[in-house]
């Protein structure tokens, strides 16, 4: 990460993704988080590119929890709505960890 502060929407989304994976905090790492402002004629929000690394022997189970029903999940992000979220890539490392790349669109409510 670049060290730039996270937006409120990005911070809430990351917290929710970590909780959804259901692993200890030291088993899921943020490898990338980039957010850019987004708007249409009627909505404002942000597009997010997020990279996570799931480590340890339970990485595959954590990925299953994270991805199961992801697109239709209910998200509780105070002041924001997740309009779209998708896993765009996963990669397994030799040590058993799994890198996950996600893209999301959050809208201000």
PDB file of N, CA and C in Angstrom:
ATOM      1  N   UNK A   1       0.844  -1.174   0.000  1.00  0.00           N
ATOM      2  CA  UNK A   1       0.000   0.000   0.000  1.00  0.00           C
ATOM      3  C   UNK A   1       0.885   1.231   0.000  1.00  0.00           C
ATOM      4  N   UNK A   2       0.369   2.306  -0.532  1.00  0.00           N
ATOM      5  CA  UNK A   2       1.155   3.511  -0.686  1.00  0.00           C
ATOM      6  C   UNK A   2       1.285   4.311   0.597  1.00  0.00           C
ATOM      7  N   UNK A   3       0.546   3.978   1.614  1.00  0.00           N
ATOM      8  CA  UNK A   3       0.599   4.738   2.848  1.00  0.00           C
ATOM      9  C   UNK A   3      -0.426   5.856   2.887  1.00  0.00           C
ATOM     10  N   UNK A   4      -1.135   6.065   1.780  1.00  0.00           N
ATOM     11  CA  UNK A   4      -2.176   7.079   1.743  1.00  0.00           C
ATOM     12  C   UNK A   4      -3.334   6.610   2.624  1.00  0.00           C
ATOM     13  N   UNK A   5      -4.001   7.531   3.294  1.00  0.00           N
ATOM     14  CA  UNK A   5      -5.109   7.125   4.152  1.00  0.00           C
ATOM     15  C   UNK A   5      -6.252   6.525   3.334  1.00  0.00           C
ATOM     16  N   UNK A   6      -6.925   5.564   3.913  1.00  0.00           N
ATOM     17  CA  UNK A   6      -8.066   4.941   3.254  1.00  0.00           C
ATOM     18  C   UNK A   6      -9.294   5.825   3.400  1.00  0.00           C
ATOM     19  N   UNK A   7     -10.142   5.793   2.393  1.00  0.00           N
ATOM     20  CA  UNK A   7     -11.416   6.491   2.508  1.00  0.00           C
ATOM     21  C   UNK A   7     -12.280   5.731   3.507  1.00  0.00           C
ATOM     22  N   UNK A   8     -13.336   6.372   3.978  1.00  0.00           N
ATOM     23  CA  UNK A   8     -14.236   5.718   4.925  1.00  0.00           C
ATOM     24  C   UNK A   8     -14.859   4.473   4.305  1.00  0.00           C
ATOM     25  N   UNK A   9     -15.273   4.558   3.040  1.00  0.00           N
ATOM     26  CA  UNK A   9     -15.884   3.415   2.371  1.00  0.00           C
ATOM     27  C   UNK A   9     -14.895   2.258   2.248  1.00  0.00           C
ATOM     28  N   UNK A  10     -13.654   2.553   1.872  1.00  0.00           N
ATOM     29  CA  UNK A  10     -12.641   1.503   1.726  1.00  0.00           C
ATOM     30  C   UNK A  10     -12.338   0.843   3.065  1.00  0.00           C
ATOM     31  N   UNK A  11     -12.213   1.632   4.113  1.00  0.00           N
ATOM     32  CA  UNK A  11     -11.918   1.073   5.438  1.00  0.00           C
ATOM     33  C   UNK A  11     -13.047   0.170   5.918  1.00  0.00           C
ATOM     34  N   UNK A  12     -14.291   0.597   5.728  1.00  0.00           N
ATOM     35  CA  UNK A  12     -15.436  -0.220   6.134  1.00  0.00           C
ATOM     36  C   UNK A  12     -15.530  -1.500   5.303  1.00  0.00           C
ATOM     37  N   UNK A  13     -15.271  -1.395   4.004  1.00  0.00           N
ATOM     38  CA  UNK A  13     -15.316  -2.559   3.136  1.00  0.00           C
ATOM     39  C   UNK A  13     -14.230  -3.565   3.515  1.00  0.00           C
ATOM     40  N   UNK A  14     -13.021  -3.080   3.770  1.00  0.00           N
ATOM     41  CA  UNK A  14     -11.933  -3.975   4.181  1.00  0.00           C
ATOM     42  C   UNK A  14     -12.259  -4.684   5.488  1.00  0.00           C
ATOM     43  N   UNK A  15     -12.797  -3.958   6.439  1.00  0.00           N
ATOM     44  CA  UNK A  15     -13.176  -4.562   7.720  1.00  0.00           C
ATOM     45  C   UNK A  15     -14.216  -5.662   7.504  1.00  0.00           C
ATOM     46  N   UNK A  16     -15.188  -5.404   6.643  1.00  0.00           N
ATOM     47  CA  UNK A  16     -16.229  -6.393   6.363  1.00  0.00           C
ATOM     48  C   UNK A  16     -15.675  -7.612   5.629  1.00  0.00           C
ATOM     49  N   UNK A  17     -14.751  -7.403   4.695  1.00  0.00           N
ATOM     50  CA  UNK A  17     -14.142  -8.527   3.978  1.00  0.00           C
ATOM     51  C   UNK A  17     -13.335  -9.408   4.920  1.00  0.00           C
ATOM     52  N   UNK A  18     -12.591  -8.784   5.827  1.00  0.00           N
ATOM     53  CA  UNK A  18     -11.808  -9.554   6.795  1.00  0.00           C
ATOM     54  C   UNK A  18     -12.729 -10.378   7.687  1.00  0.00           C
ATOM     55  N   UNK A  19     -13.829  -9.787   8.126  1.00  0.00           N
ATOM     56  CA  UNK A  19     -14.778 -10.519   8.972  1.00  0.00           C
ATOM     57  C   UNK A  19     -15.416 -11.671   8.194  1.00  0.00           C
ATOM     58  N   UNK A  20     -15.731 -11.437   6.946  1.00  0.00           N
ATOM     59  CA  UNK A  20     -16.349 -12.459   6.104  1.00  0.00           C
ATOM     60  C   UNK A  20     -15.429 -13.664   5.915  1.00  0.00           C
ATOM     61  N   UNK A  21     -14.113 -13.432   5.823  1.00  0.00           N
ATOM     62  CA  UNK A  21     -13.155 -14.529   5.652  1.00  0.00           C
ATOM     63  C   UNK A  21     -13.091 -15.411   6.896  1.00  0.00           C
ATOM     64  N   UNK A  22     -13.399 -14.851   8.051  1.00  0.00           N
ATOM     65  CA  UNK A  22     -13.488 -15.625   9.278  1.00  0.00           C
ATOM     66  C   UNK A  22     -12.179 -16.201   9.778  1.00  0.00           C
ATOM     67  N   UNK A  23     -11.093 -15.457   9.615  1.00  0.00           N
ATOM     68  CA  UNK A  23      -9.794 -15.914  10.124  1.00  0.00           C
ATOM     69  C   UNK A  23      -9.231 -14.865  11.074  1.00  0.00           C
ATOM     70  N   UNK A  24      -8.251 -15.267  11.856  1.00  0.00           N
ATOM     71  CA  UNK A  24      -7.603 -14.334  12.770  1.00  0.00           C
ATOM     72  C   UNK A  24      -6.958 -13.198  11.969  1.00  0.00           C
ATOM     73  N   UNK A  25      -6.835 -12.053  12.617  1.00  0.00           N
ATOM     74  CA  UNK A  25      -6.290 -10.860  11.957  1.00  0.00           C
ATOM     75  C   UNK A  25      -4.893 -11.070  11.399  1.00  0.00           C
ATOM     76  N   UNK A  26      -4.110 -11.961  12.017  1.00  0.00           N
ATOM     77  CA  UNK A  26      -2.749 -12.172  11.528  1.00  0.00           C
ATOM     78  C   UNK A  26      -2.691 -13.191  10.388  1.00  0.00           C
ATOM     79  N   UNK A  27      -3.850 -13.614   9.858  1.00  0.00           N
ATOM     80  CA  UNK A  27      -3.894 -14.581   8.751  1.00  0.00           C
ATOM     81  C   UNK A  27      -4.416 -13.962   7.463  1.00  0.00           C
ATOM     82  N   UNK A  28      -4.809 -12.681   7.506  1.00  0.00           N
ATOM     83  CA  UNK A  28      -5.290 -12.006   6.309  1.00  0.00           C
ATOM     84  C   UNK A  28      -4.609 -10.641   6.225  1.00  0.00           C
ATOM     85  N   UNK A  29      -3.988 -10.392   5.082  1.00  0.00           N
ATOM     86  CA  UNK A  29      -3.179  -9.188   4.906  1.00  0.00           C
ATOM     87  C   UNK A  29      -3.679  -8.401   3.706  1.00  0.00           C
ATOM     88  N   UNK A  30      -3.654  -7.090   3.824  1.00  0.00           N
ATOM     89  CA  UNK A  30      -3.999  -6.209   2.709  1.00  0.00           C
ATOM     90  C   UNK A  30      -2.721  -6.001   1.903  1.00  0.00           C
ATOM     91  N   UNK A  31      -2.736  -6.420   0.646  1.00  0.00           N
ATOM     92  CA  UNK A  31      -1.565  -6.228  -0.209  1.00  0.00           C
ATOM     93  C   UNK A  31      -1.728  -5.038  -1.135  1.00  0.00           C
ATOM     94  N   UNK A  32      -2.973  -4.625  -1.351  1.00  0.00           N
ATOM     95  CA  UNK A  32      -3.241  -3.486  -2.222  1.00  0.00           C
ATOM     96  C   UNK A  32      -4.620  -2.935  -1.877  1.00  0.00           C
ATOM     97  N   UNK A  33      -4.738  -1.638  -1.886  1.00  0.00           N
ATOM     98  CA  UNK A  33      -6.048  -1.007  -1.751  1.00  0.00           C
ATOM     99  C   UNK A  33      -5.977   0.350  -2.430  1.00  0.00           C
ATOM    100  N   UNK A  34      -6.693   0.438  -3.541  1.00  0.00           N
ATOM    101  CA  UNK A  34      -6.716   1.686  -4.293  1.00  0.00           C
ATOM    102  C   UNK A  34      -8.170   2.049  -4.542  1.00  0.00           C
ATOM    103  N   UNK A  35      -8.517   3.268  -4.229  1.00  0.00           N
ATOM    104  CA  UNK A  35      -9.881   3.753  -4.421  1.00  0.00           C
ATOM    105  C   UNK A  35      -9.852   5.034  -5.229  1.00  0.00           C
ATOM    106  N   UNK A  36     -10.794   5.158  -6.151  1.00  0.00           N
ATOM    107  CA  UNK A  36     -10.933   6.381  -6.939  1.00  0.00           C
ATOM    108  C   UNK A  36     -12.392   6.810  -6.906  1.00  0.00           C
ATOM    109  N   UNK A  37     -12.607   8.115  -6.909  1.00  0.00           N
ATOM    110  CA  UNK A  37     -13.962   8.648  -6.925  1.00  0.00           C
ATOM    111  C   UNK A  37     -14.680   8.207  -8.194  1.00  0.00           C
ATOM    112  N   UNK A  38     -15.980   8.008  -8.062  1.00  0.00           N
ATOM    113  CA  UNK A  38     -16.818   7.575  -9.177  1.00  0.00           C
ATOM    114  C   UNK A  38     -18.140   8.305  -9.069  1.00  0.00           C
ATOM    115  N   UNK A  39     -18.724   8.636 -10.222  1.00  0.00           N
ATOM    116  CA  UNK A  39     -20.050   9.243 -10.183  1.00  0.00           C
ATOM    117  C   UNK A  39     -20.790   8.993 -11.481  1.00  0.00           C
ATOM    118  N   UNK A  40     -22.109   8.969 -11.370  1.00  0.00           N
ATOM    119  CA  UNK A  40     -22.993   8.916 -12.525  1.00  0.00           C
ATOM    120  C   UNK A  40     -23.885  10.154 -12.431  1.00  0.00           C
ATOM    121  N   UNK A  41     -24.900  10.214 -13.240  1.00  0.00           N
ATOM    122  CA  UNK A  41     -25.798  11.363 -13.159  1.00  0.00           C
ATOM    123  C   UNK A  41     -26.549  11.418 -11.833  1.00  0.00           C
ATOM    124  N   UNK A  42     -26.766  10.260 -11.212  1.00  0.00           N
ATOM    125  CA  UNK A  42     -27.588  10.233  -9.996  1.00  0.00           C
ATOM    126  C   UNK A  42     -26.870   9.726  -8.750  1.00  0.00           C
ATOM    127  N   UNK A  43     -25.700   9.108  -8.895  1.00  0.00           N
ATOM    128  CA  UNK A  43     -25.012   8.514  -7.754  1.00  0.00           C
ATOM    129  C   UNK A  43     -23.568   8.979  -7.668  1.00  0.00           C
ATOM    130  N   UNK A  44     -23.046   9.009  -6.444  1.00  0.00           N
ATOM    131  CA  UNK A  44     -21.621   9.239  -6.234  1.00  0.00           C
ATOM    132  C   UNK A  44     -21.087   8.099  -5.376  1.00  0.00           C
ATOM    133  N   UNK A  45     -19.829   7.811  -5.560  1.00  0.00           N
ATOM    134  CA  UNK A  45     -19.231   6.737  -4.788  1.00  0.00           C
ATOM    135  C   UNK A  45     -17.764   6.566  -5.125  1.00  0.00           C
ATOM    136  N   UNK A  46     -17.284   5.333  -4.989  1.00  0.00           N
ATOM    137  CA  UNK A  46     -15.875   5.028  -5.242  1.00  0.00           C
ATOM    138  C   UNK A  46     -15.741   3.649  -5.873  1.00  0.00           C
ATOM    139  N   UNK A  47     -14.768   3.516  -6.753  1.00  0.00           N
ATOM    140  CA  UNK A  47     -14.347   2.216  -7.278  1.00  0.00           C
ATOM    141  C   UNK A  47     -13.133   1.791  -6.469  1.00  0.00           C
ATOM    142  N   UNK A  48     -13.107   0.527  -6.075  1.00  0.00           N
ATOM    143  CA  UNK A  48     -12.025   0.009  -5.234  1.00  0.00           C
ATOM    144  C   UNK A  48     -11.350  -1.181  -5.918  1.00  0.00           C
ATOM    145  N   UNK A  49     -10.036  -1.215  -5.852  1.00  0.00           N
ATOM    146  CA  UNK A  49      -9.249  -2.386  -6.226  1.00  0.00           C
ATOM    147  C   UNK A  49      -8.552  -2.843  -4.955  1.00  0.00           C
ATOM    148  N   UNK A  50      -8.818  -4.073  -4.550  1.00  0.00           N
ATOM    149  CA  UNK A  50      -8.327  -4.571  -3.267  1.00  0.00           C
ATOM    150  C   UNK A  50      -7.571  -5.872  -3.482  1.00  0.00           C
ATOM    151  N   UNK A  51      -6.409  -5.971  -2.874  1.00  0.00           N
ATOM    152  CA  UNK A  51      -5.648  -7.214  -2.871  1.00  0.00           C
ATOM    153  C   UNK A  51      -5.510  -7.720  -1.447  1.00  0.00           C
ATOM    154  N   UNK A  52      -5.819  -8.992  -1.255  1.00  0.00           N
ATOM    155  CA  UNK A  52      -5.701  -9.625   0.055  1.00  0.00           C
ATOM    156  C   UNK A  52      -4.836 -10.867  -0.066  1.00  0.00           C
ATOM    157  N   UNK A  53      -4.128 -11.200   0.996  1.00  0.00           N
ATOM    158  CA  UNK A  53      -3.401 -12.465   1.076  1.00  0.00           C
ATOM    159  C   UNK A  53      -3.937 -13.236   2.270  1.00  0.00           C
ATOM    160  N   UNK A  54      -4.416 -14.436   1.991  1.00  0.00           N
ATOM    161  CA  UNK A  54      -4.905 -15.346   3.024  1.00  0.00           C
ATOM    162  C   UNK A  54      -3.791 -16.334   3.295  1.00  0.00           C
ATOM    163  N   UNK A  55      -3.336 -16.413   4.536  1.00  0.00           N
ATOM    164  CA  UNK A  55      -2.190 -17.268   4.835  1.00  0.00           C
ATOM    165  C   UNK A  55      -2.574 -18.383   5.794  1.00  0.00           C
ATOM    166  N   UNK A  56      -1.709 -19.360   5.878  1.00  0.00           N
ATOM    167  CA  UNK A  56      -1.886 -20.448   6.826  1.00  0.00           C
ATOM    168  C   UNK A  56      -2.639 -21.625   6.254  1.00  0.00           C
ATOM    169  N   UNK A  57      -2.754 -22.683   7.051  1.00  0.00           N
ATOM    170  CA  UNK A  57      -3.380 -23.908   6.567  1.00  0.00           C
ATOM    171  C   UNK A  57      -4.864 -23.765   6.238  1.00  0.00           C
ATOM    172  N   UNK A  58      -5.541 -22.759   6.765  1.00  0.00           N
ATOM    173  CA  UNK A  58      -6.967 -22.566   6.492  1.00  0.00           C
ATOM    174  C   UNK A  58      -7.251 -21.604   5.365  1.00  0.00           C
ATOM    175  N   UNK A  59      -6.251 -21.304   4.530  1.00  0.00           N
ATOM    176  CA  UNK A  59      -6.423 -20.297   3.478  1.00  0.00           C
ATOM    177  C   UNK A  59      -7.532 -20.667   2.495  1.00  0.00           C
ATOM    178  N   UNK A  60      -7.597 -21.916   2.075  1.00  0.00           N
ATOM    179  CA  UNK A  60      -8.625 -22.336   1.113  1.00  0.00           C
ATOM    180  C   UNK A  60     -10.020 -22.215   1.723  1.00  0.00           C
ATOM    181  N   UNK A  61     -10.165 -22.568   2.984  1.00  0.00           N
ATOM    182  CA  UNK A  61     -11.458 -22.424   3.652  1.00  0.00           C
ATOM    183  C   UNK A  61     -11.843 -20.947   3.782  1.00  0.00           C
ATOM    184  N   UNK A  62     -10.868 -20.103   4.084  1.00  0.00           N
ATOM    185  CA  UNK A  62     -11.138 -18.666   4.192  1.00  0.00           C
ATOM    186  C   UNK A  62     -11.574 -18.103   2.846  1.00  0.00           C
ATOM    187  N   UNK A  63     -10.933 -18.551   1.767  1.00  0.00           N
ATOM    188  CA  UNK A  63     -11.329 -18.109   0.427  1.00  0.00           C
ATOM    189  C   UNK A  63     -12.755 -18.549   0.125  1.00  0.00           C
ATOM    190  N   UNK A  64     -13.103 -19.757   0.501  1.00  0.00           N
ATOM    191  CA  UNK A  64     -14.470 -20.250   0.273  1.00  0.00           C
ATOM    192  C   UNK A  64     -15.487 -19.388   1.020  1.00  0.00           C
ATOM    193  N   UNK A  65     -15.192 -19.047   2.281  1.00  0.00           N
ATOM    194  CA  UNK A  65     -16.107 -18.187   3.051  1.00  0.00           C
ATOM    195  C   UNK A  65     -16.199 -16.802   2.432  1.00  0.00           C
ATOM    196  N   UNK A  66     -15.065 -16.286   1.994  1.00  0.00           N
ATOM    197  CA  UNK A  66     -15.024 -14.951   1.405  1.00  0.00           C
ATOM    198  C   UNK A  66     -15.817 -14.891   0.105  1.00  0.00           C
ATOM    199  N   UNK A  67     -15.692 -15.905  -0.721  1.00  0.00           N
ATOM    200  CA  UNK A  67     -16.278 -15.854  -2.058  1.00  0.00           C
ATOM    201  C   UNK A  67     -17.710 -16.378  -2.142  1.00  0.00           C
ATOM    202  N   UNK A  68     -18.121 -17.220  -1.214  1.00  0.00           N
ATOM    203  CA  UNK A  68     -19.451 -17.818  -1.286  1.00  0.00           C
ATOM    204  C   UNK A  68     -20.542 -16.752  -1.186  1.00  0.00           C
ATOM    205  N   UNK A  69     -21.290 -16.574  -2.256  1.00  0.00           N
ATOM    206  CA  UNK A  69     -22.382 -15.604  -2.277  1.00  0.00           C
ATOM    207  C   UNK A  69     -21.942 -14.154  -2.218  1.00  0.00           C
ATOM    208  N   UNK A  70     -20.714 -13.889  -2.609  1.00  0.00           N
ATOM    209  CA  UNK A  70     -20.147 -12.538  -2.475  1.00  0.00           C
ATOM    210  C   UNK A  70     -20.980 -11.478  -3.192  1.00  0.00           C
ATOM    211  N   UNK A  71     -21.342 -11.733  -4.439  1.00  0.00           N
ATOM    212  CA  UNK A  71     -22.050 -10.717  -5.233  1.00  0.00           C
ATOM    213  C   UNK A  71     -23.404 -10.342  -4.640  1.00  0.00           C
ATOM    214  N   UNK A  72     -24.086 -11.291  -4.005  1.00  0.00           N
ATOM    215  CA  UNK A  72     -25.405 -11.010  -3.457  1.00  0.00           C
ATOM    216  C   UNK A  72     -25.420 -10.750  -1.962  1.00  0.00           C
ATOM    217  N   UNK A  73     -24.239 -10.627  -1.367  1.00  0.00           N
ATOM    218  CA  UNK A  73     -24.146 -10.462   0.085  1.00  0.00           C
ATOM    219  C   UNK A  73     -24.711  -9.112   0.532  1.00  0.00           C
ATOM    220  N   UNK A  74     -25.226  -9.097   1.749  1.00  0.00           N
ATOM    221  CA  UNK A  74     -25.676  -7.855   2.385  1.00  0.00           C
ATOM    222  C   UNK A  74     -24.482  -7.259   3.118  1.00  0.00           C
ATOM    223  N   UNK A  75     -24.189  -6.014   2.866  1.00  0.00           N
ATOM    224  CA  UNK A  75     -23.034  -5.342   3.471  1.00  0.00           C
ATOM    225  C   UNK A  75     -23.530  -4.255   4.390  1.00  0.00           C
ATOM    226  N   UNK A  76     -22.957  -4.180   5.581  1.00  0.00           N
ATOM    227  CA  UNK A  76     -23.311  -3.140   6.536  1.00  0.00           C
ATOM    228  C   UNK A  76     -22.163  -2.138   6.598  1.00  0.00           C
ATOM    229  N   UNK A  77     -22.225  -1.151   5.719  1.00  0.00           N
ATOM    230  CA  UNK A  77     -21.213  -0.095   5.668  1.00  0.00           C
ATOM    231  C   UNK A  77     -21.924   1.222   5.939  1.00  0.00           C
ATOM    232  N   UNK A  78     -21.774   1.731   7.124  1.00  0.00           N
ATOM    233  CA  UNK A  78     -22.480   2.949   7.527  1.00  0.00           C
ATOM    234  C   UNK A  78     -22.231   4.076   6.509  1.00  0.00           C
ATOM    235  N   UNK A  79     -23.311   4.548   5.885  1.00  0.00           N
ATOM    236  CA  UNK A  79     -23.223   5.648   4.931  1.00  0.00           C
ATOM    237  C   UNK A  79     -22.870   5.238   3.519  1.00  0.00           C
ATOM    238  N   UNK A  80     -22.721   3.922   3.279  1.00  0.00           N
ATOM    239  CA  UNK A  80     -22.315   3.444   1.957  1.00  0.00           C
ATOM    240  C   UNK A  80     -23.053   2.157   1.618  1.00  0.00           C
ATOM    241  N   UNK A  81     -23.224   1.923   0.336  1.00  0.00           N
ATOM    242  CA  UNK A  81     -23.858   0.717  -0.174  1.00  0.00           C
ATOM    243  C   UNK A  81     -22.889   0.069  -1.156  1.00  0.00           C
ATOM    244  N   UNK A  82     -22.724  -1.251  -1.052  1.00  0.00           N
ATOM    245  CA  UNK A  82     -21.911  -1.975  -2.027  1.00  0.00           C
ATOM    246  C   UNK A  82     -22.818  -2.301  -3.205  1.00  0.00           C
ATOM    247  N   UNK A  83     -22.582  -1.632  -4.333  1.00  0.00           N
ATOM    248  CA  UNK A  83     -23.392  -1.832  -5.528  1.00  0.00           C
ATOM    249  C   UNK A  83     -22.896  -3.012  -6.350  1.00  0.00           C
ATOM    250  N   UNK A  84     -21.599  -3.267  -6.265  1.00  0.00           N
ATOM    251  CA  UNK A  84     -20.999  -4.343  -7.062  1.00  0.00           C
ATOM    252  C   UNK A  84     -19.714  -4.785  -6.384  1.00  0.00           C
ATOM    253  N   UNK A  85     -19.482  -6.099  -6.355  1.00  0.00           N
ATOM    254  CA  UNK A  85     -18.219  -6.617  -5.836  1.00  0.00           C
ATOM    255  C   UNK A  85     -17.947  -7.953  -6.514  1.00  0.00           C
ATOM    256  N   UNK A  86     -16.710  -8.160  -6.909  1.00  0.00           N
ATOM    257  CA  UNK A  86     -16.352  -9.376  -7.623  1.00  0.00           C
ATOM    258  C   UNK A  86     -14.884  -9.723  -7.356  1.00  0.00           C
ATOM    259  N   UNK A  87     -14.608 -11.015  -7.266  1.00  0.00           N
ATOM    260  CA  UNK A  87     -13.226 -11.491  -7.205  1.00  0.00           C
ATOM    261  C   UNK A  87     -12.761 -11.625  -8.646  1.00  0.00           C
ATOM    262  N   UNK A  88     -11.690 -10.915  -9.001  1.00  0.00           N
ATOM    263  CA  UNK A  88     -11.215 -10.939 -10.380  1.00  0.00           C
ATOM    264  C   UNK A  88     -10.068 -11.926 -10.592  1.00  0.00           C
ATOM    265  N   UNK A  89      -9.375 -12.315  -9.517  1.00  0.00           N
ATOM    266  CA  UNK A  89      -8.274 -13.267  -9.668  1.00  0.00           C
ATOM    267  C   UNK A  89      -7.908 -13.856  -8.312  1.00  0.00           C
ATOM    268  N   UNK A  90      -7.449 -15.098  -8.347  1.00  0.00           N
ATOM    269  CA  UNK A  90      -6.854 -15.733  -7.172  1.00  0.00           C
ATOM    270  C   UNK A  90      -5.585 -16.446  -7.622  1.00  0.00           C
ATOM    271  N   UNK A  91      -4.591 -16.456  -6.753  1.00  0.00           N
ATOM    272  CA  UNK A  91      -3.319 -17.123  -7.037  1.00  0.00           C
ATOM    273  C   UNK A  91      -2.847 -17.831  -5.775  1.00  0.00           C
ATOM    274  N   UNK A  92      -2.458 -19.075  -5.912  1.00  0.00           N
ATOM    275  CA  UNK A  92      -1.935 -19.842  -4.776  1.00  0.00           C
ATOM    276  C   UNK A  92      -0.412 -19.786  -4.824  1.00  0.00           C
ATOM    277  N   UNK A  93       0.185 -19.439  -3.700  1.00  0.00           N
ATOM    278  CA  UNK A  93       1.642 -19.385  -3.591  1.00  0.00           C
ATOM    279  C   UNK A  93       2.167 -20.745  -3.127  1.00  0.00           C
ATOM    280  N   UNK A  94       3.450 -20.952  -3.272  1.00  0.00           N
ATOM    281  CA  UNK A  94       4.075 -22.217  -2.866  1.00  0.00           C
ATOM    282  C   UNK A  94       3.918 -22.495  -1.374  1.00  0.00           C
ATOM    283  N   UNK A  95       3.832 -21.436  -0.571  1.00  0.00           N
ATOM    284  CA  UNK A  95       3.702 -21.628   0.881  1.00  0.00           C
ATOM    285  C   UNK A  95       2.264 -21.935   1.312  1.00  0.00           C
ATOM    286  N   UNK A  96       1.339 -22.028   0.356  1.00  0.00           N
ATOM    287  CA  UNK A  96      -0.052 -22.342   0.666  1.00  0.00           C
ATOM    288  C   UNK A  96      -0.945 -21.128   0.833  1.00  0.00           C
ATOM    289  N   UNK A  97      -0.356 -19.951   0.870  1.00  0.00           N
ATOM    290  CA  UNK A  97      -1.175 -18.742   0.975  1.00  0.00           C
ATOM    291  C   UNK A  97      -1.873 -18.494  -0.363  1.00  0.00           C
ATOM    292  N   UNK A  98      -2.937 -17.720  -0.301  1.00  0.00           N
ATOM    293  CA  UNK A  98      -3.714 -17.420  -1.502  1.00  0.00           C
ATOM    294  C   UNK A  98      -3.864 -15.914  -1.617  1.00  0.00           C
ATOM    295  N   UNK A  99      -3.491 -15.379  -2.784  1.00  0.00           N
ATOM    296  CA  UNK A  99      -3.697 -13.964  -3.075  1.00  0.00           C
ATOM    297  C   UNK A  99      -5.037 -13.807  -3.780  1.00  0.00           C
ATOM    298  N   UNK A 100      -5.794 -12.824  -3.351  1.00  0.00           N
ATOM    299  CA  UNK A 100      -7.133 -12.580  -3.879  1.00  0.00           C
ATOM    300  C   UNK A 100      -7.210 -11.116  -4.337  1.00  0.00           C
ATOM    301  N   UNK A 101      -7.618 -10.901  -5.572  1.00  0.00           N
ATOM    302  CA  UNK A 101      -7.837  -9.558  -6.108  1.00  0.00           C
ATOM    303  C   UNK A 101      -9.331  -9.337  -6.272  1.00  0.00           C
ATOM    304  N   UNK A 102      -9.830  -8.252  -5.691  1.00  0.00           N
ATOM    305  CA  UNK A 102     -11.249  -7.922  -5.764  1.00  0.00           C
ATOM    306  C   UNK A 102     -11.425  -6.533  -6.367  1.00  0.00           C
ATOM    307  N   UNK A 103     -12.580  -6.318  -6.963  1.00  0.00           N
ATOM    308  CA  UNK A 103     -12.979  -4.987  -7.403  1.00  0.00           C
ATOM    309  C   UNK A 103     -14.373  -4.740  -6.856  1.00  0.00           C
ATOM    310  N   UNK A 104     -14.617  -3.515  -6.434  1.00  0.00           N
ATOM    311  CA  UNK A 104     -15.921  -3.187  -5.856  1.00  0.00           C
ATOM    312  C   UNK A 104     -16.312  -1.757  -6.212  1.00  0.00           C
ATOM    313  N   UNK A 105     -17.592  -1.517  -6.205  1.00  0.00           N
ATOM    314  CA  UNK A 105     -18.153  -0.178  -6.361  1.00  0.00           C
ATOM    315  C   UNK A 105     -19.018   0.095  -5.155  1.00  0.00           C
ATOM    316  N   UNK A 106     -18.675   1.148  -4.408  1.00  0.00           N
ATOM    317  CA  UNK A 106     -19.507   1.571  -3.285  1.00  0.00           C
ATOM    318  C   UNK A 106     -20.164   2.895  -3.644  1.00  0.00           C
ATOM    319  N   UNK A 107     -21.398   3.048  -3.198  1.00  0.00           N
ATOM    320  CA  UNK A 107     -22.148   4.281  -3.429  1.00  0.00           C
ATOM    321  C   UNK A 107     -22.450   4.928  -2.092  1.00  0.00           C
ATOM    322  N   UNK A 108     -22.421   6.237  -2.081  1.00  0.00           N
ATOM    323  CA  UNK A 108     -22.832   6.968  -0.876  1.00  0.00           C
ATOM    324  C   UNK A 108     -24.344   6.943  -0.789  1.00  0.00           C
ATOM    325  N   UNK A 109     -24.861   6.675   0.434  1.00  0.00           N
ATOM    326  CA  UNK A 109     -26.322   6.682   0.531  1.00  0.00           C
ATOM    327  C   UNK A 109     -26.831   7.934   1.182  1.00  0.00           C
TER     328      UNK A 109
END
